Structures are given as C-alpha cells and as structure tokens.
Amino acid sequence: MKDGPLAVVAASVLWGTAGTAGLLVSADSVALAAARLVVGGTALALLAGRDVRTAVRLSLLLGAVAVAAYQLCFFAAVGRTGVAIGTVVAIGSGPVFTGLLSWALHGRRPSGRWAVATAAAICGCAALIVGGGARAGGQVVSGVLLALLGGLLYAFYAVTAARAIGQGARSGAVMGVLFGGAAVLMAPVLLLNGVGWAGEPRGLLAVLYLGLGTTALSYFLYGRGLRTTPVATAATLALAEPAVAALLGLVVLGERLAPVSVAGLVLLALSLVVVALPEAATVPRRERELESQP
C-alpha cells in the first residue's frame, strides 16, 4: 500500500485539530462548519483547476450532496444526544458502513483482520470519548438515527471518491468536485447564520486554518491515500481523529483523561497500527503445490 496509510493518518491528524481551533471562535457550530466547507471546498476546486471538469460525474455530484448533508446530520445529532454519543455513533459507524458499501457495491470484501481491528478501534474510540464525562441530551433516539445517517453519508462519499480514483480520475480533481460542490450547497447556510464573527482577526485565522488546513490540505492527503489504500482501511485509519483531538485537549487545553479514556486511547492506537500493516501476500494453493514438488 506504499505511503497511502501515512497520507490518510496525516489527514486524520489535521481533522483532529479542528475542535481545538474551533474554540477560538464564538460562532455557532453549524455556521463554523459551513464556513469551513466553503473555504476548504473552494480551495480544493481551485487547486484541481480544469481537471474538475473532466472529473464531474453524477456519482461525484451525489457525493458532494453527501458531504454537505453529513455536516448537517452530525451537528443535529450532537444537539440531540450530546457530544459523546453523537460523536461515537457517527464516527464509529463510518468505517463499518464504508466496509459494507465497498463490499456490496464493488465486491471488495474486507479482510478478517480489518473486521477485528475495526471493532477494537471503535471500542477504543467509544471509551476515549465517553470517558470524557459528556452526557447525552434530550432526543436520544432521533439523534442516534441522525448520527447513523451521518456515518452512512460519510461512507457513501468515501466509497464514491475511492471508486472514481480507482477508475483513473485524479484524486485532487475528485476532491475538488466533492468539496467544491459541497461549498456551493453550504454557502446559503453560512449566509443565513451570519458571517460577522469572521471579521475579527481571531475568527478569520481560525476559519482560514479550518478551511485550508483541516479541509483542503487534509482531503488532498486523504485523496492521495485512497490511490493505494482500500477505502475500508482508510475509513478505519481515520479514527485517529478523536485520538488527536483528545491529546490536544490534554496538552493544549489542560483537560484530563479518565483511566477508561487512556485505555481507549491505547486500544485505538494499537488497532490503527494493525490496520495500517500491509496484508501478507497470499499464494494460490495450486502454485504452492507446484513449488513444493522436486
């Protein structure tokens, strides 16, 4: 898989810094997410340039809708269930849906090692986040359903992107279509929520970092990673995001991790290492028999 897993993990590290950067701004979370997509999506589209035109296809346009809808579902879910449950369900279900969609749509059956490591990573992610002490809010059932829908939307646009890249489209162009389209869709949401807060120096810097760093650069790296990394594996490696967020909270914000969170962090790290290791090459049985003959 060459350097594909490293690119995906690098993207996840950038995603993990988004929460800390967002604390610099007093804007509504939906408005901040919309601004992040508008800035980052526009940058990705401009970076791809003319390649965007050749990459445009119905599946990618539907993927752009999924990118925008994921943001809305995620924040709506968190508002109903609380940060812990909403995040665990949305982020944790993403790799599962990705593996299942990749198998159902393209016949790429995930390995047994992927299944075990992914299950362990999700458990570690859950322990890491829930151990932070957050509590669920009111409409739990509807919030969990929205979080699951968010995980499915993430899986859809990840599988769609991987499919297009596998068919020869440039990864930068694919991400440009996905996030450039999402930027167009989220622009009205940003305008409706107001952009006055972005006029402050701190707000402007935060939005530029969120858009250019945690969206444009991160998804550029993610697209590069998808060139050589199975999408199911990439989705599991992306679970490094909450680990990075937790470590930043510990180091930068002075937060404390409960013992269960520390255990979850260790389990998550070990699981990601297992997923990132290349699969051993398998030799067909008939070929082994021939080689064993004198």
Protein backbone atom coordinates (compact mmCIF):
# COMPACT_ATOMS: atom_id res chain seq x y z
CA MET A 1 0.00 0.00 0.00
CA LYS A 2 3.14 2.19 -0.11
CA ASP A 3 2.58 5.55 1.60
CA GLY A 4 -1.21 5.54 1.35
CA PRO A 5 -1.88 4.80 5.04
CA LEU A 6 0.55 7.54 6.09
CA ALA A 7 -1.33 10.08 3.96
CA VAL A 8 -4.65 9.01 5.48
CA VAL A 9 -3.28 9.23 9.02
CA ALA A 10 -1.81 12.66 8.26
CA ALA A 11 -5.25 13.78 7.10
CA SER A 12 -6.77 12.41 10.30
CA VAL A 13 -4.25 14.31 12.40
CA LEU A 14 -5.35 17.55 10.72
CA TRP A 15 -9.03 16.67 11.28
CA GLY A 16 -8.24 16.09 14.94
CA THR A 17 -7.03 19.68 15.35
CA ALA A 18 -10.33 21.16 14.15
CA GLY A 19 -12.04 21.07 17.54
CA THR A 20 -9.26 22.94 19.30
CA ALA A 21 -9.10 25.54 16.50
CA GLY A 22 -12.86 25.96 16.65
CA LEU A 23 -12.66 27.01 20.29
CA LEU A 24 -11.00 30.24 19.13
CA VAL A 25 -14.29 31.34 17.56
CA SER A 26 -17.56 32.24 19.25
CA ALA A 27 -19.62 31.36 16.16
CA ASP A 28 -22.46 28.84 16.03
CA SER A 29 -21.13 25.36 15.28
CA VAL A 30 -23.23 24.97 12.12
CA ALA A 31 -22.03 28.33 10.79
CA LEU A 32 -18.44 27.34 11.55
CA ALA A 33 -18.85 24.02 9.74
CA ALA A 34 -20.39 25.81 6.76
CA ALA A 35 -17.53 28.34 6.65
CA ARG A 36 -15.01 25.52 6.85
CA LEU A 37 -16.59 23.76 3.89
CA VAL A 38 -16.98 26.90 1.83
CA VAL A 39 -13.32 27.92 2.28
CA GLY A 40 -11.88 24.42 2.01
CA GLY A 41 -14.12 23.28 -0.83
CA THR A 42 -13.38 26.39 -2.86
CA ALA A 43 -9.65 25.88 -2.32
CA LEU A 44 -9.83 22.24 -3.44
CA ALA A 45 -11.82 23.17 -6.55
CA LEU A 46 -9.34 25.91 -7.47
CA LEU A 47 -6.39 23.60 -6.82
CA ALA A 48 -7.82 21.00 -9.19
CA GLY A 49 -8.41 23.63 -11.87
CA ARG A 50 -9.52 22.30 -15.23
CA ASP A 51 -9.31 18.71 -14.00
CA VAL A 52 -12.56 19.32 -12.13
CA ARG A 53 -14.48 19.44 -15.41
CA THR A 54 -13.21 16.06 -16.54
CA ALA A 55 -13.95 14.51 -13.15
CA VAL A 56 -17.57 15.72 -12.94
CA ARG A 57 -20.00 12.80 -12.99
CA LEU A 58 -23.34 12.03 -11.40
CA SER A 59 -21.91 9.85 -8.64
CA LEU A 60 -19.49 12.59 -7.54
CA LEU A 61 -22.23 15.22 -7.59
CA LEU A 62 -24.27 12.95 -5.33
CA GLY A 63 -21.14 12.60 -3.20
CA ALA A 64 -20.97 16.40 -2.89
CA VAL A 65 -24.53 16.38 -1.57
CA ALA A 66 -23.47 13.70 0.93
CA VAL A 67 -20.51 15.81 2.09
CA ALA A 68 -22.80 18.76 2.85
CA ALA A 69 -25.56 16.61 4.36
CA TYR A 70 -23.05 14.87 6.64
CA GLN A 71 -22.18 18.16 8.32
CA LEU A 72 -25.83 18.97 8.99
CA CYS A 73 -26.64 15.46 10.25
CA PHE A 74 -23.64 15.39 12.55
CA PHE A 75 -24.36 18.68 14.27
CA ALA A 76 -28.08 17.89 14.50
CA ALA A 77 -27.22 14.54 16.11
CA VAL A 78 -24.85 16.11 18.63
CA GLY A 79 -27.52 18.65 19.53
CA ARG A 80 -29.96 15.84 20.40
CA THR A 81 -27.73 13.22 22.01
CA GLY A 82 -24.81 15.22 23.37
CA VAL A 83 -21.23 15.25 22.13
CA ALA A 84 -20.18 11.82 23.40
CA ILE A 85 -22.93 9.62 21.95
CA GLY A 86 -23.34 11.62 18.75
CA THR A 87 -19.61 11.53 18.00
CA VAL A 88 -19.16 7.85 18.85
CA VAL A 89 -22.13 6.76 16.71
CA ALA A 90 -21.28 8.97 13.71
CA ILE A 91 -17.52 8.39 13.65
CA GLY A 92 -17.72 4.78 14.81
CA SER A 93 -20.35 3.73 12.27
CA GLY A 94 -18.47 5.33 9.37
CA PRO A 95 -15.84 2.57 8.91
CA VAL A 96 -18.48 -0.15 9.26
CA PHE A 97 -20.73 1.40 6.62
CA THR A 98 -17.69 2.01 4.41
CA GLY A 99 -16.62 -1.62 4.52
CA LEU A 100 -20.16 -2.85 3.87
CA LEU A 101 -20.79 -0.41 1.00
CA SER A 102 -17.46 -1.22 -0.62
CA TRP A 103 -18.33 -4.91 -0.43
CA ALA A 104 -21.93 -4.54 -1.61
CA LEU A 105 -21.31 -2.08 -4.46
CA HIS A 106 -17.87 -3.10 -5.71
CA GLY A 107 -17.33 -6.64 -4.40
CA ARG A 108 -14.34 -5.67 -2.24
CA ARG A 109 -14.78 -7.87 0.79
CA PRO A 110 -12.88 -6.56 3.84
CA SER A 111 -10.42 -8.95 5.45
CA GLY A 112 -11.00 -10.64 8.78
CA ARG A 113 -8.10 -8.68 10.24
CA TRP A 114 -9.80 -5.44 9.18
CA ALA A 115 -13.05 -6.52 10.87
CA VAL A 116 -11.37 -7.38 14.18
CA ALA A 117 -9.14 -4.30 14.23
CA THR A 118 -12.03 -2.02 13.26
CA ALA A 119 -14.24 -3.41 16.02
CA ALA A 120 -11.43 -2.86 18.52
CA ALA A 121 -10.80 0.66 17.20
CA ILE A 122 -14.48 1.58 17.56
CA CYS A 123 -14.48 0.27 21.15
CA GLY A 124 -11.38 2.32 21.86
CA CYS A 125 -12.95 5.38 20.28
CA ALA A 126 -16.09 4.92 22.39
CA ALA A 127 -14.09 4.54 25.61
CA LEU A 128 -11.97 7.57 24.74
CA ILE A 129 -14.93 9.87 24.13
CA VAL A 130 -17.42 8.60 26.72
CA GLY A 131 -14.69 8.56 29.34
CA GLY A 132 -14.51 12.32 28.95
CA GLY A 133 -17.64 12.60 31.05
CA ALA A 134 -20.02 14.12 28.48
CA ARG A 135 -23.69 13.38 28.97
CA ALA A 136 -26.44 12.75 26.47
CA GLY A 137 -29.14 15.30 25.91
CA GLY A 138 -32.85 15.02 25.19
CA GLN A 139 -33.95 13.42 21.93
CA VAL A 140 -31.64 10.44 22.04
CA VAL A 141 -33.40 8.11 19.59
CA SER A 142 -33.72 10.66 16.79
CA GLY A 143 -30.19 11.87 17.48
CA VAL A 144 -28.72 8.37 17.17
CA LEU A 145 -30.61 7.85 13.91
CA LEU A 146 -29.21 11.12 12.56
CA ALA A 147 -25.71 10.11 13.66
CA LEU A 148 -26.10 6.77 11.87
CA LEU A 149 -27.29 8.60 8.77
CA GLY A 150 -24.19 10.79 9.06
CA GLY A 151 -21.97 7.69 9.21
CA LEU A 152 -23.70 6.30 6.12
CA LEU A 153 -23.27 9.60 4.25
CA TYR A 154 -19.58 9.66 5.11
CA ALA A 155 -19.23 6.08 3.86
CA PHE A 156 -21.04 6.95 0.64
CA TYR A 157 -18.81 9.85 -0.32
CA ALA A 158 -15.66 7.97 0.74
CA VAL A 159 -16.58 4.93 -1.39
CA THR A 160 -17.64 7.20 -4.26
CA ALA A 161 -14.31 9.03 -4.16
CA ALA A 162 -12.32 5.79 -3.97
CA ARG A 163 -14.26 4.36 -6.91
CA ALA A 164 -13.60 7.41 -9.10
CA ILE A 165 -9.90 7.45 -8.20
CA GLY A 166 -9.67 3.72 -8.90
CA GLN A 167 -11.13 4.33 -12.36
CA GLY A 168 -8.32 6.73 -13.21
CA ALA A 169 -9.61 10.13 -12.11
CA ARG A 170 -7.07 12.40 -10.43
CA SER A 171 -7.50 12.39 -6.66
CA GLY A 172 -7.26 16.19 -6.49
CA ALA A 173 -9.97 16.58 -9.10
CA VAL A 174 -12.25 14.12 -7.30
CA MET A 175 -11.89 16.01 -4.03
CA GLY A 176 -12.38 19.27 -5.89
CA VAL A 177 -15.73 18.10 -7.24
CA LEU A 178 -16.88 16.66 -3.91
CA PHE A 179 -15.96 19.60 -1.73
CA GLY A 180 -16.38 22.33 -4.32
CA GLY A 181 -19.93 21.12 -4.81
CA ALA A 182 -20.46 20.93 -1.05
CA ALA A 183 -19.15 24.51 -0.75
CA VAL A 184 -21.84 25.72 -3.16
CA LEU A 185 -24.52 23.88 -1.19
CA MET A 186 -23.33 25.17 2.19
CA ALA A 187 -22.88 28.81 1.14
CA PRO A 188 -26.58 29.66 1.81
CA VAL A 189 -26.31 28.01 5.25
CA LEU A 190 -23.32 30.21 6.03
CA LEU A 191 -25.11 33.37 4.88
CA LEU A 192 -28.25 32.53 6.87
CA ASN A 193 -26.21 32.04 10.05
CA GLY A 194 -24.22 35.25 9.55
CA VAL A 195 -20.53 35.84 8.94
CA GLY A 196 -19.88 38.86 11.14
CA TRP A 197 -17.77 36.80 13.55
CA ALA A 198 -15.29 36.05 10.71
CA GLY A 199 -14.39 39.75 10.54
CA GLU A 200 -12.44 39.50 13.80
CA PRO A 201 -8.73 38.61 13.41
CA ARG A 202 -9.03 35.53 15.61
CA GLY A 203 -12.16 34.36 13.80
CA LEU A 204 -10.61 34.93 10.38
CA LEU A 205 -7.46 33.00 11.28
CA ALA A 206 -9.49 30.13 12.71
CA VAL A 207 -11.69 29.91 9.59
CA LEU A 208 -8.68 30.00 7.27
CA TYR A 209 -6.98 27.24 9.23
CA LEU A 210 -10.15 25.15 9.40
CA GLY A 211 -10.81 25.62 5.70
CA LEU A 212 -7.31 25.40 4.27
CA GLY A 213 -5.67 23.11 6.83
CA THR A 214 -8.33 20.77 8.21
CA THR A 215 -10.34 20.59 4.97
CA ALA A 216 -8.37 21.45 1.81
CA LEU A 217 -4.99 20.00 2.80
CA SER A 218 -6.43 17.11 4.78
CA TYR A 219 -8.73 15.92 2.00
CA PHE A 220 -5.98 16.41 -0.57
CA LEU A 221 -3.92 13.97 1.53
CA TYR A 222 -6.91 11.69 2.03
CA GLY A 223 -7.44 11.53 -1.74
CA ARG A 224 -3.76 10.71 -2.25
CA GLY A 225 -4.09 7.96 0.34
CA LEU A 226 -7.07 6.44 -1.44
CA ARG A 227 -4.92 5.83 -4.51
CA THR A 228 -3.20 2.88 -2.82
CA THR A 229 -5.23 2.22 0.33
CA PRO A 230 -8.52 0.25 0.33
CA VAL A 231 -11.32 2.60 1.31
CA ALA A 232 -12.42 0.38 4.21
CA THR A 233 -8.89 0.52 5.63
CA ALA A 234 -8.74 4.29 5.12
CA ALA A 235 -12.03 4.76 6.98
CA THR A 236 -10.68 2.84 9.97
CA LEU A 237 -7.38 4.76 9.94
CA ALA A 238 -9.44 7.97 10.03
CA LEU A 239 -10.42 7.02 13.59
CA ALA A 240 -7.09 8.57 14.57
CA GLU A 241 -9.01 11.87 14.53
CA PRO A 242 -10.60 11.58 18.02
CA ALA A 243 -7.29 10.38 19.46
CA VAL A 244 -5.52 13.50 18.20
CA ALA A 245 -8.36 15.68 19.47
CA ALA A 246 -8.10 14.10 22.92
CA LEU A 247 -4.32 14.56 23.07
CA LEU A 248 -4.64 18.20 22.06
CA GLY A 249 -7.23 18.70 24.77
CA LEU A 250 -4.81 17.18 27.24
CA VAL A 251 -1.73 19.17 26.16
CA VAL A 252 -3.15 22.47 24.92
CA LEU A 253 -6.39 22.93 26.82
CA GLY A 254 -5.31 21.36 30.12
CA GLU A 255 -8.07 18.74 30.09
CA ARG A 256 -7.75 15.46 31.97
CA LEU A 257 -8.32 11.95 30.68
CA ALA A 258 -10.11 9.40 32.84
CA PRO A 259 -8.49 5.95 33.12
CA VAL A 260 -11.09 4.49 30.75
CA SER A 261 -10.18 7.16 28.19
CA VAL A 262 -6.49 6.34 28.49
CA ALA A 263 -7.28 2.65 27.96
CA GLY A 264 -9.43 3.57 24.96
CA LEU A 265 -6.60 5.67 23.52
CA VAL A 266 -4.14 2.78 23.81
CA LEU A 267 -6.62 0.30 22.28
CA LEU A 268 -7.37 2.68 19.44
CA ALA A 269 -3.67 3.26 18.70
CA LEU A 270 -2.90 -0.46 18.64
CA SER A 271 -5.86 -1.14 16.38
CA LEU A 272 -4.77 1.50 13.88
CA VAL A 273 -1.27 0.02 13.76
CA VAL A 274 -2.76 -3.40 12.97
CA VAL A 275 -4.94 -1.94 10.20
CA ALA A 276 -2.05 0.03 8.69
CA LEU A 277 0.25 -3.00 8.39
CA PRO A 278 0.25 -4.38 4.83
CA GLU A 279 -1.55 -7.62 4.20
CA ALA A 280 0.70 -10.61 3.69
CA ALA A 281 0.78 -11.69 0.09
CA THR A 282 -1.22 -14.87 -0.42
CA VAL A 283 -0.01 -17.63 -2.79
CA PRO A 284 -2.65 -19.76 -4.53
CA ARG A 285 -2.84 -23.35 -3.30
CA ARG A 286 -2.03 -24.87 -6.71
CA GLU A 287 1.05 -22.64 -7.02
CA ARG A 288 2.27 -23.73 -3.59
CA GLU A 289 1.85 -27.37 -4.57
CA LEU A 290 3.90 -26.89 -7.74
CA GLU A 291 6.65 -25.09 -5.84
CA SER A 292 6.85 -27.93 -3.31
CA GLN A 293 7.42 -30.55 -6.00
CA PRO A 294 11.03 -31.59 -6.64
